[in-house]
Protein backbone atom coordinates (compact mmCIF):
# COMPACT_ATOMS: atom_id res chain seq x y z
CA MET A 1 -13.30 -84.19 -110.46
CA LYS A 2 -15.69 -85.64 -107.90
CA VAL A 3 -19.20 -84.19 -107.66
CA THR A 4 -21.50 -85.05 -104.74
CA GLU A 5 -25.21 -84.27 -104.97
CA THR A 6 -26.63 -83.19 -101.62
CA LYS A 7 -30.04 -83.90 -100.12
CA ILE A 8 -31.30 -80.73 -101.81
CA PRO A 9 -31.38 -81.11 -105.61
CA GLY A 10 -29.11 -78.63 -107.37
CA VAL A 11 -26.81 -77.99 -104.40
CA LYS A 12 -23.48 -79.71 -105.11
CA ILE A 13 -20.16 -80.38 -103.39
CA ILE A 14 -17.28 -80.38 -105.86
CA GLU A 15 -13.81 -81.77 -105.28
CA PRO A 16 -11.52 -80.65 -108.12
CA ASP A 17 -8.62 -82.82 -109.14
CA CYS A 18 -5.40 -81.60 -107.56
CA PHE A 19 -2.00 -82.59 -108.95
CA GLY A 20 1.03 -82.26 -106.71
CA ASP A 21 4.72 -83.00 -106.66
CA HIS A 22 7.84 -81.78 -104.85
CA ARG A 23 7.17 -78.21 -106.07
CA GLY A 24 3.63 -77.91 -104.71
CA TRP A 25 0.29 -78.48 -106.44
CA PHE A 26 -1.95 -77.35 -109.31
CA MET A 27 -5.71 -77.53 -109.78
CA GLU A 28 -8.28 -76.14 -112.18
CA THR A 29 -10.72 -74.14 -110.04
CA TYR A 30 -13.20 -73.54 -112.84
CA SER A 31 -13.76 -74.73 -116.42
CA THR A 32 -16.91 -73.82 -118.35
CA ALA A 33 -16.84 -77.15 -120.20
CA LYS A 34 -16.33 -79.35 -117.11
CA TYR A 35 -18.87 -77.51 -114.96
CA SER A 36 -21.45 -77.57 -117.77
CA GLU A 37 -21.06 -81.36 -117.91
CA MET A 38 -22.11 -81.51 -114.23
CA GLY A 39 -25.13 -79.25 -114.83
CA ILE A 40 -23.61 -75.94 -113.70
CA CYS A 41 -24.24 -73.80 -116.77
CA ASN A 42 -24.25 -70.38 -115.12
CA VAL A 43 -22.35 -67.51 -116.68
CA PHE A 44 -20.37 -66.16 -113.75
CA VAL A 45 -19.93 -62.38 -113.96
CA GLN A 46 -18.23 -61.39 -110.71
CA ASP A 47 -15.60 -62.89 -108.39
CA ASN A 48 -15.55 -61.94 -104.70
CA HIS A 49 -12.87 -62.48 -102.05
CA SER A 50 -13.35 -61.92 -98.31
CA MET A 51 -11.07 -62.23 -95.28
CA SER A 52 -12.26 -62.91 -91.73
CA GLY A 53 -9.65 -62.36 -89.02
CA LYS A 54 -11.11 -64.33 -86.12
CA LYS A 55 -12.39 -67.86 -85.57
CA GLY A 56 -16.14 -67.72 -84.85
CA THR A 57 -16.93 -65.06 -87.47
CA LEU A 58 -20.33 -65.81 -88.97
CA ARG A 59 -21.37 -64.25 -92.27
CA GLY A 60 -24.94 -64.88 -93.32
CA LEU A 61 -27.47 -65.91 -94.15
CA HIS A 62 -27.33 -63.75 -97.30
CA PHE A 63 -29.05 -63.62 -100.69
CA GLN A 64 -30.19 -61.18 -103.35
CA ASN A 65 -33.89 -61.01 -104.24
CA ASN A 66 -35.12 -61.35 -107.81
CA PRO A 67 -34.46 -60.05 -110.40
CA MET A 68 -30.86 -59.84 -109.11
CA ALA A 69 -30.70 -63.32 -107.52
CA GLN A 70 -27.29 -64.98 -107.58
CA ALA A 71 -26.05 -68.54 -107.92
CA LYS A 72 -22.68 -68.98 -106.16
CA LEU A 73 -19.67 -71.22 -106.55
CA VAL A 74 -17.73 -70.86 -103.28
CA ARG A 75 -14.46 -72.08 -101.81
CA CYS A 76 -12.17 -71.41 -98.86
CA THR A 77 -8.59 -70.63 -99.91
CA LYS A 78 -7.09 -70.08 -96.43
CA GLY A 79 -8.24 -71.62 -93.16
CA ALA A 80 -11.54 -73.47 -92.81
CA VAL A 81 -15.29 -72.78 -92.65
CA ILE A 82 -18.62 -74.52 -92.24
CA ASP A 83 -20.58 -73.37 -95.28
CA VAL A 84 -24.40 -73.47 -95.37
CA ALA A 85 -27.06 -73.22 -98.08
CA VAL A 86 -30.75 -72.84 -97.10
CA ASP A 87 -33.63 -73.38 -99.54
CA ILE A 88 -35.83 -70.27 -99.31
CA ARG A 89 -37.98 -70.94 -102.39
CA LYS A 90 -41.63 -70.85 -101.34
CA GLY A 91 -43.40 -74.03 -102.42
CA SER A 92 -40.21 -76.06 -102.74
CA PRO A 93 -40.31 -79.65 -101.41
CA THR A 94 -37.11 -78.77 -99.51
CA TYR A 95 -38.25 -75.30 -98.31
CA LYS A 96 -36.38 -74.25 -95.14
CA GLN A 97 -34.05 -77.25 -95.38
CA TRP A 98 -30.33 -76.67 -95.32
CA VAL A 99 -27.10 -78.37 -96.31
CA SER A 100 -23.67 -77.76 -94.82
CA VAL A 101 -20.15 -78.72 -95.80
CA GLU A 102 -16.70 -78.03 -94.41
CA LEU A 103 -14.61 -76.09 -96.90
CA SER A 104 -10.92 -75.54 -96.27
CA ALA A 105 -7.67 -74.66 -97.95
CA GLU A 106 -6.62 -78.23 -97.17
CA ASN A 107 -9.61 -80.12 -98.64
CA LYS A 108 -9.98 -77.71 -101.62
CA ARG A 109 -13.73 -78.44 -101.91
CA GLN A 110 -16.14 -76.12 -103.65
CA PHE A 111 -19.84 -75.67 -102.95
CA TYR A 112 -22.36 -74.77 -105.64
CA ILE A 113 -25.45 -72.90 -104.44
CA PRO A 114 -28.22 -72.19 -107.00
CA ARG A 115 -30.43 -69.12 -107.04
CA GLY A 116 -33.22 -69.22 -104.46
CA PHE A 117 -30.97 -70.13 -101.55
CA ALA A 118 -29.62 -68.16 -98.60
CA HIS A 119 -25.91 -68.65 -97.96
CA GLY A 120 -23.64 -68.24 -94.96
CA PHE A 121 -20.47 -69.50 -93.36
CA LEU A 122 -18.84 -69.80 -89.94
CA THR A 123 -15.05 -69.56 -89.66
CA LEU A 124 -13.38 -72.48 -87.91
CA THR A 125 -9.93 -70.86 -87.84
CA ASP A 126 -8.41 -67.40 -87.65
CA ASP A 127 -7.42 -65.62 -90.87
CA VAL A 128 -9.90 -67.20 -93.25
CA GLU A 129 -9.94 -66.24 -96.92
CA PHE A 130 -13.08 -67.08 -98.87
CA GLU A 131 -13.61 -66.73 -102.63
CA TYR A 132 -16.74 -67.07 -104.71
CA LYS A 133 -18.11 -66.60 -108.19
CA VAL A 134 -21.61 -65.20 -108.73
CA ASP A 135 -23.79 -65.17 -111.84
CA ASN A 136 -25.32 -61.74 -111.23
CA LEU A 137 -23.74 -58.44 -110.19
CA TYR A 138 -24.05 -57.12 -106.65
CA SER A 139 -27.16 -54.98 -106.13
CA LYS A 140 -27.47 -53.04 -102.88
CA GLU A 141 -31.19 -52.59 -103.60
CA HIS A 142 -31.76 -56.38 -103.72
CA ASP A 143 -29.25 -57.40 -101.03
CA ARG A 144 -30.98 -59.26 -98.18
CA GLY A 145 -30.27 -61.45 -95.20
CA ILE A 146 -32.09 -63.58 -92.65
CA ARG A 147 -31.02 -64.53 -89.16
CA TYR A 148 -28.40 -67.24 -88.89
CA ASP A 149 -30.24 -68.66 -85.86
CA ASP A 150 -33.81 -68.56 -87.20
CA PRO A 151 -35.54 -71.38 -85.25
CA ALA A 152 -37.83 -72.11 -88.24
CA ILE A 153 -34.70 -73.16 -90.17
CA GLY A 154 -32.59 -74.58 -87.34
CA VAL A 155 -29.11 -74.53 -88.87
CA ASP A 156 -26.86 -76.51 -86.53
CA TRP A 157 -23.61 -74.72 -87.47
CA GLY A 158 -21.87 -77.94 -86.51
CA GLY A 159 -22.37 -77.33 -82.79
CA LEU A 160 -19.23 -75.26 -83.07
CA LEU A 161 -20.49 -72.17 -81.31
CA ASN A 162 -20.86 -74.09 -78.00
CA GLY A 163 -22.60 -71.16 -76.32
CA ILE A 164 -20.09 -68.63 -77.66
CA GLU A 165 -21.53 -65.59 -79.35
CA PRO A 166 -20.48 -65.48 -83.00
CA ILE A 167 -18.78 -62.40 -84.43
CA LEU A 168 -21.46 -60.75 -86.59
CA SER A 169 -21.85 -57.65 -88.73
CA GLU A 170 -24.51 -55.11 -87.79
CA LYS A 171 -26.50 -56.29 -90.82
CA ASP A 172 -26.49 -59.87 -89.53
CA VAL A 173 -27.29 -58.90 -85.92
CA ASN A 174 -30.37 -57.03 -87.14
CA GLY A 175 -31.44 -59.50 -89.85
CA PRO A 176 -35.10 -60.56 -89.91
CA LEU A 177 -36.46 -64.05 -89.44
CA LEU A 178 -37.41 -65.78 -92.69
CA ALA A 179 -41.12 -65.33 -91.84
CA ASP A 180 -40.58 -61.54 -91.59
CA SER A 181 -38.40 -61.29 -94.69
CA ASP A 182 -39.50 -60.01 -98.08
CA VAL A 183 -37.83 -62.95 -99.84
CA ASN A 184 -39.42 -63.30 -103.29
CA PHE A 185 -38.29 -66.76 -104.46
CA VAL A 186 -40.94 -69.20 -105.65
CA TYR A 187 -40.19 -72.82 -106.51
CA GLU A 188 -40.73 -73.52 -110.21
CA GLY A 189 -39.82 -77.20 -110.35
CA GLU A 190 -36.50 -78.86 -111.05
CA GLU A 191 -34.18 -77.01 -113.38
């Protein structure tokens, strides 16, 4: 298993070992022991699976406020996405910085996003299926989002929109800028 640390400490790109032959392939998508060795010691309590029908669908930037914050282990099981994590912990040395990675059914990468980060993805193909583990249950009361195009953050989205309006939910169309959000994450040093 290959683990790549990103420019933001704690955010990791994971490439599980995949074993294939004439029948197809097999890979371990999660192992408590192996992930603990790489510093991912979360107890995941919920698995989510979404489908986006059209290329250009943008979901995000989403998070849950404390005390229901969630760490996520995400992957794309059909199609391809650009996946983004944004540090929204006030006082963090990487506050408002973001990291992106292409996740696809073909490359089988995973992306680990700790608590205190907003998360989103842009579909690069039609018929995308996206799966993720979270370490806290969904809470409508704590569910939040910020604008995908907040200029204070400046996510590039890979230049893939090229002037095309992304397909957004009503929640994402009406999301606040980070400065207007009630985000309650505070940086507490390295974990």
